[in-house]
Amino acid sequence: MLSSRRARFAYVLIMLTAFAGVLGLAVIVLKQALFAGVAEAWMMAGVLAVVVGLPVALILLPVASWLKRNVRVNGIIPNAGENVPGAGR
């Protein structure tokens, strides 16, 4: 795990740049496949779905799970600033 704030920020920037590059290449390759023909475009779309979609899913699914868990915890037990809800009444 990255400990310093700058290291985490650099990691996010590097990953963002990498994903933008991969998606840009995917668009270029898909455009070239469309010029080759419809069947080739469909085959290339399937390959790109795995090559681009799997890494994106590996990054986004844990983030979505964390958000869901965070919303559920805060929704079930409201933060009243006390250890036991209703103890300060």
C-alpha atoms as a PDB file:
ATOM      1  CA  MET A   1       0.000   0.000   0.000  1.00  0.00           C
ATOM      2  CA  LEU A   2       1.253   3.448  -0.801  1.00  0.00           C
ATOM      3  CA  SER A   3       1.849   5.385   2.366  1.00  0.00           C
ATOM      4  CA  SER A   4       2.584   8.942   1.371  1.00  0.00           C
ATOM      5  CA  ARG A   5       0.016  11.243  -0.133  1.00  0.00           C
ATOM      6  CA  ARG A   6       2.296  12.165  -3.041  1.00  0.00           C
ATOM      7  CA  ALA A   7       2.889   8.524  -3.918  1.00  0.00           C
ATOM      8  CA  ARG A   8      -0.854   7.843  -4.028  1.00  0.00           C
ATOM      9  CA  PHE A   9      -1.408  10.926  -6.176  1.00  0.00           C
ATOM     10  CA  ALA A  10       1.377   9.865  -8.549  1.00  0.00           C
ATOM     11  CA  TYR A  11      -0.131   6.369  -8.750  1.00  0.00           C
ATOM     12  CA  VAL A  12      -3.531   7.792  -9.670  1.00  0.00           C
ATOM     13  CA  LEU A  13      -2.005  10.006 -12.356  1.00  0.00           C
ATOM     14  CA  ILE A  14       0.021   7.139 -13.813  1.00  0.00           C
ATOM     15  CA  MET A  15      -2.997   4.823 -13.882  1.00  0.00           C
ATOM     16  CA  LEU A  16      -5.176   7.529 -15.433  1.00  0.00           C
ATOM     17  CA  THR A  17      -2.589   8.132 -18.135  1.00  0.00           C
ATOM     18  CA  ALA A  18      -2.213   4.406 -18.771  1.00  0.00           C
ATOM     19  CA  PHE A  19      -5.965   3.863 -19.069  1.00  0.00           C
ATOM     20  CA  ALA A  20      -6.312   6.861 -21.373  1.00  0.00           C
ATOM     21  CA  GLY A  21      -3.525   5.490 -23.560  1.00  0.00           C
ATOM     22  CA  VAL A  22      -5.025   2.007 -23.706  1.00  0.00           C
ATOM     23  CA  LEU A  23      -8.475   3.353 -24.511  1.00  0.00           C
ATOM     24  CA  GLY A  24      -7.026   5.634 -27.186  1.00  0.00           C
ATOM     25  CA  LEU A  25      -5.253   2.697 -28.799  1.00  0.00           C
ATOM     26  CA  ALA A  26      -8.449   0.662 -28.582  1.00  0.00           C
ATOM     27  CA  VAL A  27     -10.363   3.356 -30.457  1.00  0.00           C
ATOM     28  CA  ILE A  28      -7.692   3.506 -33.159  1.00  0.00           C
ATOM     29  CA  VAL A  29      -7.619  -0.281 -33.554  1.00  0.00           C
ATOM     30  CA  LEU A  30     -11.412  -0.508 -33.682  1.00  0.00           C
ATOM     31  CA  LYS A  31     -11.533   2.227 -36.315  1.00  0.00           C
ATOM     32  CA  GLN A  32      -9.024   0.331 -38.444  1.00  0.00           C
ATOM     33  CA  ALA A  33     -11.022  -2.870 -37.992  1.00  0.00           C
ATOM     34  CA  LEU A  34     -14.150  -1.075 -39.213  1.00  0.00           C
ATOM     35  CA  PHE A  35     -12.337  -0.131 -42.409  1.00  0.00           C
ATOM     36  CA  ALA A  36     -11.342  -3.789 -42.897  1.00  0.00           C
ATOM     37  CA  GLY A  37     -14.939  -4.977 -42.635  1.00  0.00           C
ATOM     38  CA  VAL A  38     -17.857  -5.580 -40.325  1.00  0.00           C
ATOM     39  CA  ALA A  39     -16.841  -9.112 -39.308  1.00  0.00           C
ATOM     40  CA  GLU A  40     -13.332  -7.972 -38.424  1.00  0.00           C
ATOM     41  CA  ALA A  41     -14.768  -5.104 -36.401  1.00  0.00           C
ATOM     42  CA  TRP A  42     -16.937  -7.483 -34.364  1.00  0.00           C
ATOM     43  CA  MET A  43     -13.992  -9.789 -33.710  1.00  0.00           C
ATOM     44  CA  MET A  44     -11.817  -6.865 -32.675  1.00  0.00           C
ATOM     45  CA  ALA A  45     -14.589  -5.538 -30.430  1.00  0.00           C
ATOM     46  CA  GLY A  46     -14.657  -8.879 -28.616  1.00  0.00           C
ATOM     47  CA  VAL A  47     -10.905  -8.844 -28.130  1.00  0.00           C
ATOM     48  CA  LEU A  48     -10.955  -5.246 -26.933  1.00  0.00           C
ATOM     49  CA  ALA A  49     -13.763  -5.996 -24.504  1.00  0.00           C
ATOM     50  CA  VAL A  50     -11.496  -8.496 -22.764  1.00  0.00           C
ATOM     51  CA  VAL A  51      -8.223  -6.586 -23.102  1.00  0.00           C
ATOM     52  CA  VAL A  52      -9.629  -3.222 -22.000  1.00  0.00           C
ATOM     53  CA  GLY A  53     -12.700  -4.230 -20.011  1.00  0.00           C
ATOM     54  CA  LEU A  54     -11.038  -6.682 -17.645  1.00  0.00           C
ATOM     55  CA  PRO A  55      -8.400  -4.278 -16.263  1.00  0.00           C
ATOM     56  CA  VAL A  56     -10.996  -1.534 -15.952  1.00  0.00           C
ATOM     57  CA  ALA A  57     -13.305  -3.909 -14.082  1.00  0.00           C
ATOM     58  CA  LEU A  58     -10.462  -4.992 -11.793  1.00  0.00           C
ATOM     59  CA  ILE A  59      -9.995  -1.360 -10.784  1.00  0.00           C
ATOM     60  CA  LEU A  60     -13.615  -0.196 -10.666  1.00  0.00           C
ATOM     61  CA  LEU A  61     -15.269  -3.147  -8.904  1.00  0.00           C
ATOM     62  CA  PRO A  62     -13.321  -2.791  -5.623  1.00  0.00           C
ATOM     63  CA  VAL A  63     -14.018   0.949  -5.656  1.00  0.00           C
ATOM     64  CA  ALA A  64     -17.733   0.305  -6.169  1.00  0.00           C
ATOM     65  CA  SER A  65     -17.705  -2.291  -3.388  1.00  0.00           C
ATOM     66  CA  TRP A  66     -16.012   0.158  -1.026  1.00  0.00           C
ATOM     67  CA  LEU A  67     -18.563   2.854  -1.866  1.00  0.00           C
ATOM     68  CA  LYS A  68     -21.446   0.451  -1.316  1.00  0.00           C
ATOM     69  CA  ARG A  69     -20.025  -0.713   2.014  1.00  0.00           C
ATOM     70  CA  ASN A  70     -19.387   2.869   3.120  1.00  0.00           C
ATOM     71  CA  VAL A  71     -22.904   4.014   2.237  1.00  0.00           C
ATOM     72  CA  ARG A  72     -24.469   0.997   3.944  1.00  0.00           C
ATOM     73  CA  VAL A  73     -22.536   1.512   7.194  1.00  0.00           C
ATOM     74  CA  ASN A  74     -23.381   5.198   7.347  1.00  0.00           C
ATOM     75  CA  GLY A  75     -27.004   4.539   6.408  1.00  0.00           C
ATOM     76  CA  ILE A  76     -27.692   1.855   9.007  1.00  0.00           C
ATOM     77  CA  ILE A  77     -26.030   3.516  11.989  1.00  0.00           C
ATOM     78  CA  PRO A  78     -26.221   7.296  11.895  1.00  0.00           C
ATOM     79  CA  ASN A  79     -23.254   9.119  13.358  1.00  0.00           C
ATOM     80  CA  ALA A  80     -24.630  10.951  16.396  1.00  0.00           C
ATOM     81  CA  GLY A  81     -21.239  11.512  17.988  1.00  0.00           C
ATOM     82  CA  GLU A  82     -21.918   8.965  20.734  1.00  0.00           C
ATOM     83  CA  ASN A  83     -20.899   5.370  21.305  1.00  0.00           C
ATOM     84  CA  VAL A  84     -24.435   4.196  22.029  1.00  0.00           C
ATOM     85  CA  PRO A  85     -27.258   5.751  19.978  1.00  0.00           C
ATOM     86  CA  GLY A  86     -29.671   7.668  22.176  1.00  0.00           C
ATOM     87  CA  ALA A  87     -27.434   7.549  25.266  1.00  0.00           C
ATOM     88  CA  GLY A  88     -27.090  11.320  25.477  1.00  0.00           C
ATOM     89  CA  ARG A  89     -30.813  12.120  25.724  1.00  0.00           C
END
